[in-house]
Each structure stands twice: as structure tokens, then as C-alpha cells.
């Protein structure tokens, strides 16, 4: 029986649609580190957990209990 695993990341294109951003705005925000991205080769991936934090208005420090 095959198990379907859910990806822990979205492409930047998928994340921009969730955020309601245009292509240029999304890539500019990723470059400014306003959207957290992982670069793997030429691909830009957005961790779903980080996107959820962004949508909730939380920063990484807030969700980590202030640890830096």
C-alpha cells in the first residue's frame, strides 16, 4: 500500500498565491527575507510552518520563546 506523504514546503509560486502576491512582489519579498525561503539549487522553497507563522503575524523569535 502506497503512503502519500505531504510536503513540508511550498514553492515560492505556490506561497505567493496563498499570500495574494504577484510574481515580482513575491521574489522581491523573498530577496528582502520578508518571506522565509530555503534555496535548494535554483529552487526557492517556503517551509509551510514558516508561512503559517508569517500569516499569524508571529516572528521566529516569538514562536521560539525568544531564543536567538
C-alpha atoms as a PDB file:
ATOM      1  CA  UNK A   1       0.000   0.000   0.000  1.00  0.00           C
ATOM      2  CA  UNK A   2       1.444   3.351  -1.027  1.00  0.00           C
ATOM      3  CA  UNK A   3       1.570   6.096   1.569  1.00  0.00           C
ATOM      4  CA  UNK A   4       1.009   9.636   0.420  1.00  0.00           C
ATOM      5  CA  UNK A   5       3.382  11.962   2.233  1.00  0.00           C
ATOM      6  CA  UNK A   6       2.605  15.626   2.496  1.00  0.00           C
ATOM      7  CA  UNK A   7       5.361  18.045   1.544  1.00  0.00           C
ATOM      8  CA  UNK A   8       6.681  20.285   4.280  1.00  0.00           C
ATOM      9  CA  UNK A   9       7.324  23.074   1.775  1.00  0.00           C
ATOM     10  CA  UNK A  10       5.637  25.077  -0.934  1.00  0.00           C
ATOM     11  CA  UNK A  11       7.286  26.511  -3.990  1.00  0.00           C
ATOM     12  CA  UNK A  12       7.578  30.285  -3.945  1.00  0.00           C
ATOM     13  CA  UNK A  13       4.940  30.326  -6.711  1.00  0.00           C
ATOM     14  CA  UNK A  14       2.504  28.374  -4.503  1.00  0.00           C
ATOM     15  CA  UNK A  15       3.273  30.551  -1.477  1.00  0.00           C
ATOM     16  CA  UNK A  16       2.749  33.761  -3.449  1.00  0.00           C
ATOM     17  CA  UNK A  17      -0.734  32.598  -4.432  1.00  0.00           C
ATOM     18  CA  UNK A  18      -1.553  31.858  -0.776  1.00  0.00           C
ATOM     19  CA  UNK A  19      -0.310  35.336   0.137  1.00  0.00           C
ATOM     20  CA  UNK A  20      -2.071  37.005  -2.779  1.00  0.00           C
ATOM     21  CA  UNK A  21       1.137  38.465  -4.197  1.00  0.00           C
ATOM     22  CA  UNK A  22       2.261  38.966  -7.740  1.00  0.00           C
ATOM     23  CA  UNK A  23       5.319  37.144  -9.035  1.00  0.00           C
ATOM     24  CA  UNK A  24       7.679  40.127  -8.843  1.00  0.00           C
ATOM     25  CA  UNK A  25       6.476  41.147  -5.374  1.00  0.00           C
ATOM     26  CA  UNK A  26       6.985  37.594  -4.070  1.00  0.00           C
ATOM     27  CA  UNK A  27      10.533  37.320  -5.409  1.00  0.00           C
ATOM     28  CA  UNK A  28      11.369  40.805  -4.082  1.00  0.00           C
ATOM     29  CA  UNK A  29       9.972  39.861  -0.634  1.00  0.00           C
ATOM     30  CA  UNK A  30      11.993  36.637  -0.638  1.00  0.00           C
ATOM     31  CA  UNK A  31      15.156  38.571  -1.544  1.00  0.00           C
ATOM     32  CA  UNK A  32      14.462  41.010   1.341  1.00  0.00           C
ATOM     33  CA  UNK A  33      13.857  37.970   3.620  1.00  0.00           C
ATOM     34  CA  UNK A  34      10.260  39.042   4.287  1.00  0.00           C
ATOM     35  CA  UNK A  35       9.199  35.593   3.066  1.00  0.00           C
ATOM     36  CA  UNK A  36      11.358  32.840   4.580  1.00  0.00           C
ATOM     37  CA  UNK A  37      12.813  30.683   1.815  1.00  0.00           C
ATOM     38  CA  UNK A  38      15.160  27.736   1.504  1.00  0.00           C
ATOM     39  CA  UNK A  39      17.296  27.684  -1.615  1.00  0.00           C
ATOM     40  CA  UNK A  40      17.987  24.207  -2.930  1.00  0.00           C
ATOM     41  CA  UNK A  41      19.870  24.502  -6.160  1.00  0.00           C
ATOM     42  CA  UNK A  42      17.847  27.008  -8.174  1.00  0.00           C
ATOM     43  CA  UNK A  43      14.577  26.238  -6.385  1.00  0.00           C
ATOM     44  CA  UNK A  44      13.145  28.552  -3.755  1.00  0.00           C
ATOM     45  CA  UNK A  45      11.016  26.671  -1.229  1.00  0.00           C
ATOM     46  CA  UNK A  46       8.930  28.120   1.587  1.00  0.00           C
ATOM     47  CA  UNK A  47       8.530  25.937   4.699  1.00  0.00           C
ATOM     48  CA  UNK A  48       4.817  25.583   5.493  1.00  0.00           C
ATOM     49  CA  UNK A  49       5.472  26.134   9.209  1.00  0.00           C
ATOM     50  CA  UNK A  50       7.250  29.429   8.482  1.00  0.00           C
ATOM     51  CA  UNK A  51       4.438  30.536   6.153  1.00  0.00           C
ATOM     52  CA  UNK A  52       1.863  29.779   8.862  1.00  0.00           C
ATOM     53  CA  UNK A  53       3.874  31.876  11.354  1.00  0.00           C
ATOM     54  CA  UNK A  54       4.038  34.703   8.828  1.00  0.00           C
ATOM     55  CA  UNK A  55       0.273  34.605   8.313  1.00  0.00           C
ATOM     56  CA  UNK A  56      -0.305  34.638  12.088  1.00  0.00           C
ATOM     57  CA  UNK A  57       1.963  37.669  12.422  1.00  0.00           C
ATOM     58  CA  UNK A  58       4.497  35.808  14.535  1.00  0.00           C
ATOM     59  CA  UNK A  59       8.223  36.197  14.201  1.00  0.00           C
ATOM     60  CA  UNK A  60      10.617  33.301  14.557  1.00  0.00           C
ATOM     61  CA  UNK A  61      11.830  34.639  17.927  1.00  0.00           C
ATOM     62  CA  UNK A  62       8.275  34.812  19.318  1.00  0.00           C
ATOM     63  CA  UNK A  63       7.493  31.220  18.390  1.00  0.00           C
ATOM     64  CA  UNK A  64      10.871  30.002  19.760  1.00  0.00           C
ATOM     65  CA  UNK A  65      10.250  31.628  23.130  1.00  0.00           C
ATOM     66  CA  UNK A  66      12.665  34.468  22.437  1.00  0.00           C
ATOM     67  CA  UNK A  67      15.687  32.244  21.754  1.00  0.00           C
ATOM     68  CA  UNK A  68      18.075  33.612  19.168  1.00  0.00           C
END
